[in-house]
Amino acid sequence: MSSLLHEIEKLRSKLIEYAIQYGLNDSYSIKLSQELDQLLNIELKQR
């Protein structure tokens, strides 16, 4: 697994755990989601 995919999976897990505890509308959940979106966009462009 590439390091980018590894980072995506780590961030995805972190977001899920945080959002379960604090909700999707929490500002940190939103920040994590935006970071994940950026990584996913990079991964899609590399295909």
N, C-alpha and C. Protein backbone atom coordinates (compact mmCIF):
# COMPACT_ATOMS: atom_id res chain seq x y z
N MET A 1 0.86 -1.19 0.00
CA MET A 1 0.00 0.00 0.00
C MET A 1 0.90 1.24 0.00
N SER A 2 0.56 2.18 -0.85
CA SER A 2 1.37 3.40 -0.92
C SER A 2 1.20 4.22 0.36
N SER A 3 2.15 5.10 0.59
CA SER A 3 2.08 5.93 1.80
C SER A 3 0.87 6.86 1.75
N LEU A 4 0.48 7.30 0.55
CA LEU A 4 -0.70 8.15 0.44
C LEU A 4 -1.95 7.38 0.84
N LEU A 5 -2.09 6.15 0.36
CA LEU A 5 -3.25 5.35 0.74
C LEU A 5 -3.24 5.04 2.23
N HIS A 6 -2.06 4.83 2.77
CA HIS A 6 -1.94 4.59 4.21
C HIS A 6 -2.40 5.82 4.99
N GLU A 7 -1.98 7.00 4.56
CA GLU A 7 -2.40 8.24 5.22
C GLU A 7 -3.91 8.44 5.10
N ILE A 8 -4.47 8.12 3.95
CA ILE A 8 -5.92 8.23 3.76
C ILE A 8 -6.65 7.33 4.75
N GLU A 9 -6.20 6.09 4.88
CA GLU A 9 -6.86 5.16 5.80
C GLU A 9 -6.72 5.60 7.26
N LYS A 10 -5.54 6.10 7.62
CA LYS A 10 -5.35 6.60 8.99
C LYS A 10 -6.28 7.77 9.29
N LEU A 11 -6.36 8.71 8.35
CA LEU A 11 -7.19 9.89 8.55
C LEU A 11 -8.67 9.52 8.55
N ARG A 12 -9.05 8.57 7.68
CA ARG A 12 -10.44 8.12 7.64
C ARG A 12 -10.85 7.50 8.99
N SER A 13 -9.98 6.68 9.54
CA SER A 13 -10.26 6.06 10.84
C SER A 13 -10.36 7.10 11.94
N LYS A 14 -9.45 8.06 11.91
CA LYS A 14 -9.45 9.13 12.91
C LYS A 14 -10.75 9.93 12.83
N LEU A 15 -11.16 10.26 11.61
CA LEU A 15 -12.40 11.01 11.41
C LEU A 15 -13.60 10.23 11.92
N ILE A 16 -13.68 8.96 11.60
CA ILE A 16 -14.82 8.14 12.04
C ILE A 16 -14.89 8.10 13.56
N GLU A 17 -13.76 7.83 14.20
CA GLU A 17 -13.74 7.76 15.67
C GLU A 17 -14.14 9.09 16.29
N TYR A 18 -13.60 10.18 15.76
CA TYR A 18 -13.89 11.49 16.32
C TYR A 18 -15.35 11.87 16.09
N ALA A 19 -15.85 11.61 14.89
CA ALA A 19 -17.23 11.99 14.55
C ALA A 19 -18.25 11.19 15.35
N ILE A 20 -17.94 9.94 15.65
CA ILE A 20 -18.85 9.15 16.49
C ILE A 20 -18.99 9.79 17.86
N GLN A 21 -17.88 10.28 18.39
CA GLN A 21 -17.89 10.85 19.73
C GLN A 21 -18.45 12.28 19.76
N TYR A 22 -18.08 13.10 18.77
CA TYR A 22 -18.41 14.52 18.84
C TYR A 22 -19.40 15.00 17.77
N GLY A 23 -19.68 14.14 16.79
CA GLY A 23 -20.64 14.51 15.74
C GLY A 23 -19.95 15.07 14.51
N LEU A 24 -20.66 14.98 13.40
CA LEU A 24 -20.09 15.43 12.13
C LEU A 24 -20.04 16.95 12.00
N ASN A 25 -20.83 17.66 12.79
CA ASN A 25 -20.87 19.12 12.70
C ASN A 25 -19.83 19.80 13.58
N ASP A 26 -19.09 19.02 14.35
CA ASP A 26 -18.02 19.59 15.18
C ASP A 26 -16.94 20.18 14.28
N SER A 27 -16.37 21.29 14.68
CA SER A 27 -15.40 21.98 13.82
C SER A 27 -14.18 21.12 13.51
N TYR A 28 -13.74 20.30 14.46
CA TYR A 28 -12.58 19.44 14.20
C TYR A 28 -12.95 18.30 13.25
N SER A 29 -14.18 17.79 13.36
CA SER A 29 -14.65 16.78 12.41
C SER A 29 -14.64 17.34 11.00
N ILE A 30 -15.09 18.56 10.86
CA ILE A 30 -15.11 19.21 9.55
C ILE A 30 -13.69 19.39 9.02
N LYS A 31 -12.78 19.80 9.90
CA LYS A 31 -11.37 19.97 9.50
C LYS A 31 -10.78 18.65 9.02
N LEU A 32 -11.03 17.57 9.77
CA LEU A 32 -10.52 16.26 9.37
C LEU A 32 -11.13 15.83 8.04
N SER A 33 -12.40 16.09 7.86
CA SER A 33 -13.09 15.73 6.62
C SER A 33 -12.50 16.48 5.43
N GLN A 34 -12.19 17.75 5.62
CA GLN A 34 -11.59 18.54 4.54
C GLN A 34 -10.19 18.04 4.21
N GLU A 35 -9.43 17.67 5.23
CA GLU A 35 -8.09 17.11 4.99
C GLU A 35 -8.20 15.80 4.22
N LEU A 36 -9.17 14.97 4.60
CA LEU A 36 -9.38 13.71 3.91
C LEU A 36 -9.78 13.96 2.46
N ASP A 37 -10.64 14.92 2.23
CA ASP A 37 -11.03 15.28 0.85
C ASP A 37 -9.81 15.65 0.01
N GLN A 38 -8.91 16.43 0.59
CA GLN A 38 -7.70 16.84 -0.14
C GLN A 38 -6.84 15.64 -0.52
N LEU A 39 -6.66 14.72 0.43
CA LEU A 39 -5.87 13.53 0.14
C LEU A 39 -6.54 12.66 -0.91
N LEU A 40 -7.85 12.52 -0.82
CA LEU A 40 -8.58 11.72 -1.81
C LEU A 40 -8.48 12.34 -3.20
N ASN A 41 -8.54 13.65 -3.28
CA ASN A 41 -8.41 14.33 -4.57
C ASN A 41 -7.02 14.10 -5.17
N ILE A 42 -6.00 14.15 -4.32
CA ILE A 42 -4.64 13.88 -4.79
C ILE A 42 -4.55 12.46 -5.32
N GLU A 43 -5.11 11.52 -4.59
CA GLU A 43 -5.06 10.11 -4.99
C GLU A 43 -5.79 9.91 -6.32
N LEU A 44 -6.92 10.54 -6.49
CA LEU A 44 -7.68 10.41 -7.74
C LEU A 44 -6.92 10.99 -8.93
N LYS A 45 -6.22 12.08 -8.72
CA LYS A 45 -5.45 12.70 -9.80
C LYS A 45 -4.25 11.84 -10.21
N GLN A 46 -3.77 11.01 -9.29
CA GLN A 46 -2.62 10.16 -9.58
C GLN A 46 -3.00 8.92 -10.38
N ARG A 47 -4.27 8.61 -10.49
CA ARG A 47 -4.71 7.41 -11.22
C ARG A 47 -4.54 7.56 -12.70
